[in-house]
Amino acid sequence: MKKLVPDPPHSFTNLKTVTTPFGSCDAPHGPLFAVVGGVDIEDALTHASLYLKCVLDTSNQAVRHTNEEGRGMIWSTVHSAEMAKALVDSLLDAIEALYDKPSTG
């Protein structure tokens, strides 16, 4: 028998971060930092977008002060950060569209 009423779309707006350590170094202890668990996805993505903007701003300045041999590596960083920022911003736009969608019923 065919279902008459489709399942509601998945809501990703209730997703939260999980604790994720980072910042390991060559020492006998664990990582120095961690992403805090329980942060709303939209807040986490907003911060990620801001961090990527900082990477882009810093990298673009570094290109001006780097010799010809090193510029290719910095340009690679710029392009990678641009792609990551576009992806994060696209996800934020999708979440915003979910919030702006008029409710039915």
C-alpha atoms as a PDB file:
ATOM      1  CA  MET A   1       0.000   0.000   0.000  1.00  0.00           C
ATOM      2  CA  LYS A   2       1.262   3.430  -0.926  1.00  0.00           C
ATOM      3  CA  LYS A   3       1.673   6.040   1.781  1.00  0.00           C
ATOM      4  CA  LEU A   4      -0.728   8.969   1.296  1.00  0.00           C
ATOM      5  CA  VAL A   5       1.138  11.448   3.480  1.00  0.00           C
ATOM      6  CA  PRO A   6       4.893  11.822   2.892  1.00  0.00           C
ATOM      7  CA  ASP A   7       7.305  11.915   5.788  1.00  0.00           C
ATOM      8  CA  PRO A   8       8.207  15.452   6.873  1.00  0.00           C
ATOM      9  CA  PRO A   9      11.579  16.698   5.664  1.00  0.00           C
ATOM     10  CA  HIS A  10      14.522  16.184   7.971  1.00  0.00           C
ATOM     11  CA  SER A  11      15.307  19.199  10.117  1.00  0.00           C
ATOM     12  CA  PHE A  12      18.985  19.869  10.492  1.00  0.00           C
ATOM     13  CA  THR A  13      18.412  22.939  12.634  1.00  0.00           C
ATOM     14  CA  ASN A  14      18.507  20.916  15.861  1.00  0.00           C
ATOM     15  CA  LEU A  15      21.995  19.547  15.163  1.00  0.00           C
ATOM     16  CA  LYS A  16      24.705  20.366  17.693  1.00  0.00           C
ATOM     17  CA  THR A  17      28.457  20.133  17.704  1.00  0.00           C
ATOM     18  CA  VAL A  18      30.208  17.286  19.483  1.00  0.00           C
ATOM     19  CA  THR A  19      33.348  17.788  21.529  1.00  0.00           C
ATOM     20  CA  THR A  20      36.277  17.508  19.110  1.00  0.00           C
ATOM     21  CA  PRO A  21      39.852  17.994  20.322  1.00  0.00           C
ATOM     22  CA  PHE A  22      42.450  19.718  18.149  1.00  0.00           C
ATOM     23  CA  GLY A  23      45.832  21.401  18.474  1.00  0.00           C
ATOM     24  CA  SER A  24      48.058  18.436  19.120  1.00  0.00           C
ATOM     25  CA  CYS A  25      51.738  19.036  19.419  1.00  0.00           C
ATOM     26  CA  ASP A  26      54.846  16.917  19.807  1.00  0.00           C
ATOM     27  CA  ALA A  27      54.434  16.495  23.556  1.00  0.00           C
ATOM     28  CA  PRO A  28      53.400  13.626  25.788  1.00  0.00           C
ATOM     29  CA  HIS A  29      50.028  15.223  26.571  1.00  0.00           C
ATOM     30  CA  GLY A  30      46.805  15.301  24.600  1.00  0.00           C
ATOM     31  CA  PRO A  31      45.496  18.125  22.376  1.00  0.00           C
ATOM     32  CA  LEU A  32      45.523  21.628  23.822  1.00  0.00           C
ATOM     33  CA  PHE A  33      42.074  22.720  22.605  1.00  0.00           C
ATOM     34  CA  ALA A  34      38.646  21.363  21.729  1.00  0.00           C
ATOM     35  CA  VAL A  35      35.470  22.403  19.980  1.00  0.00           C
ATOM     36  CA  VAL A  36      32.805  22.497  22.687  1.00  0.00           C
ATOM     37  CA  GLY A  37      29.942  20.066  22.294  1.00  0.00           C
ATOM     38  CA  GLY A  38      26.337  21.259  22.253  1.00  0.00           C
ATOM     39  CA  VAL A  39      26.689  24.384  20.085  1.00  0.00           C
ATOM     40  CA  ASP A  40      23.891  24.931  17.543  1.00  0.00           C
ATOM     41  CA  ILE A  41      24.916  24.133  13.986  1.00  0.00           C
ATOM     42  CA  GLU A  42      24.084  27.624  12.742  1.00  0.00           C
ATOM     43  CA  ASP A  43      26.274  29.268  15.390  1.00  0.00           C
ATOM     44  CA  ALA A  44      29.128  26.863  14.681  1.00  0.00           C
ATOM     45  CA  LEU A  45      28.914  27.442  10.919  1.00  0.00           C
ATOM     46  CA  THR A  46      28.760  31.220  11.433  1.00  0.00           C
ATOM     47  CA  HIS A  47      31.981  31.084  13.432  1.00  0.00           C
ATOM     48  CA  ALA A  48      33.575  28.783  10.853  1.00  0.00           C
ATOM     49  CA  SER A  49      32.703  31.303   8.133  1.00  0.00           C
ATOM     50  CA  LEU A  50      34.281  34.119  10.150  1.00  0.00           C
ATOM     51  CA  TYR A  51      37.430  32.057  10.776  1.00  0.00           C
ATOM     52  CA  LEU A  52      37.709  31.297   7.069  1.00  0.00           C
ATOM     53  CA  LYS A  53      37.314  35.014   6.278  1.00  0.00           C
ATOM     54  CA  CYS A  54      40.261  35.660   8.604  1.00  0.00           C
ATOM     55  CA  VAL A  55      42.309  32.988   6.790  1.00  0.00           C
ATOM     56  CA  LEU A  56      41.481  34.668   3.462  1.00  0.00           C
ATOM     57  CA  ASP A  57      42.356  38.147   4.730  1.00  0.00           C
ATOM     58  CA  THR A  58      45.640  36.952   6.239  1.00  0.00           C
ATOM     59  CA  SER A  59      46.583  34.862   3.203  1.00  0.00           C
ATOM     60  CA  ASN A  60      45.865  37.695   0.782  1.00  0.00           C
ATOM     61  CA  GLN A  61      48.172  39.937   2.827  1.00  0.00           C
ATOM     62  CA  ALA A  62      50.841  37.214   2.985  1.00  0.00           C
ATOM     63  CA  VAL A  63      50.905  36.967  -0.820  1.00  0.00           C
ATOM     64  CA  ARG A  64      52.089  40.578  -0.973  1.00  0.00           C
ATOM     65  CA  HIS A  65      54.995  39.862   1.361  1.00  0.00           C
ATOM     66  CA  THR A  66      56.127  36.510   0.005  1.00  0.00           C
ATOM     67  CA  ASN A  67      58.752  35.842  -2.617  1.00  0.00           C
ATOM     68  CA  GLU A  68      57.779  34.372  -5.967  1.00  0.00           C
ATOM     69  CA  GLU A  69      58.675  30.811  -4.946  1.00  0.00           C
ATOM     70  CA  GLY A  70      56.260  30.767  -1.993  1.00  0.00           C
ATOM     71  CA  ARG A  71      53.331  32.572  -3.602  1.00  0.00           C
ATOM     72  CA  GLY A  72      51.933  29.456  -5.249  1.00  0.00           C
ATOM     73  CA  MET A  73      51.508  27.764  -1.872  1.00  0.00           C
ATOM     74  CA  ILE A  74      49.775  30.800  -0.416  1.00  0.00           C
ATOM     75  CA  TRP A  75      47.501  31.105  -3.458  1.00  0.00           C
ATOM     76  CA  SER A  76      46.621  27.439  -2.937  1.00  0.00           C
ATOM     77  CA  THR A  77      45.666  28.283   0.649  1.00  0.00           C
ATOM     78  CA  VAL A  78      43.563  31.232  -0.547  1.00  0.00           C
ATOM     79  CA  HIS A  79      41.671  29.116  -3.060  1.00  0.00           C
ATOM     80  CA  SER A  80      41.108  26.279  -0.572  1.00  0.00           C
ATOM     81  CA  ALA A  81      39.803  28.742   2.032  1.00  0.00           C
ATOM     82  CA  GLU A  82      37.528  30.350  -0.579  1.00  0.00           C
ATOM     83  CA  MET A  83      36.046  26.952  -1.431  1.00  0.00           C
ATOM     84  CA  ALA A  84      35.555  26.028   2.228  1.00  0.00           C
ATOM     85  CA  LYS A  85      33.976  29.408   3.012  1.00  0.00           C
ATOM     86  CA  ALA A  86      31.610  29.114   0.048  1.00  0.00           C
ATOM     87  CA  LEU A  87      30.538  25.672   1.263  1.00  0.00           C
ATOM     88  CA  VAL A  88      29.963  26.895   4.836  1.00  0.00           C
ATOM     89  CA  ASP A  89      28.090  29.983   3.621  1.00  0.00           C
ATOM     90  CA  SER A  90      25.951  27.793   1.364  1.00  0.00           C
ATOM     91  CA  LEU A  91      25.014  25.636   4.354  1.00  0.00           C
ATOM     92  CA  LEU A  92      24.151  28.752   6.372  1.00  0.00           C
ATOM     93  CA  ASP A  93      21.945  29.982   3.524  1.00  0.00           C
ATOM     94  CA  ALA A  94      20.184  26.612   3.433  1.00  0.00           C
ATOM     95  CA  ILE A  95      19.534  26.738   7.191  1.00  0.00           C
ATOM     96  CA  GLU A  96      18.244  30.292   6.885  1.00  0.00           C
ATOM     97  CA  ALA A  97      15.915  29.196   4.081  1.00  0.00           C
ATOM     98  CA  LEU A  98      14.505  26.509   6.414  1.00  0.00           C
ATOM     99  CA  TYR A  99      13.746  29.169   9.018  1.00  0.00           C
ATOM    100  CA  ASP A 100      12.197  31.513   6.440  1.00  0.00           C
ATOM    101  CA  LYS A 101      10.007  28.827   4.886  1.00  0.00           C
ATOM    102  CA  PRO A 102       6.359  29.521   5.727  1.00  0.00           C
ATOM    103  CA  SER A 103       4.883  26.767   7.833  1.00  0.00           C
ATOM    104  CA  THR A 104       1.964  24.812   6.432  1.00  0.00           C
ATOM    105  CA  GLY A 105      -0.852  23.512   8.519  1.00  0.00           C
END
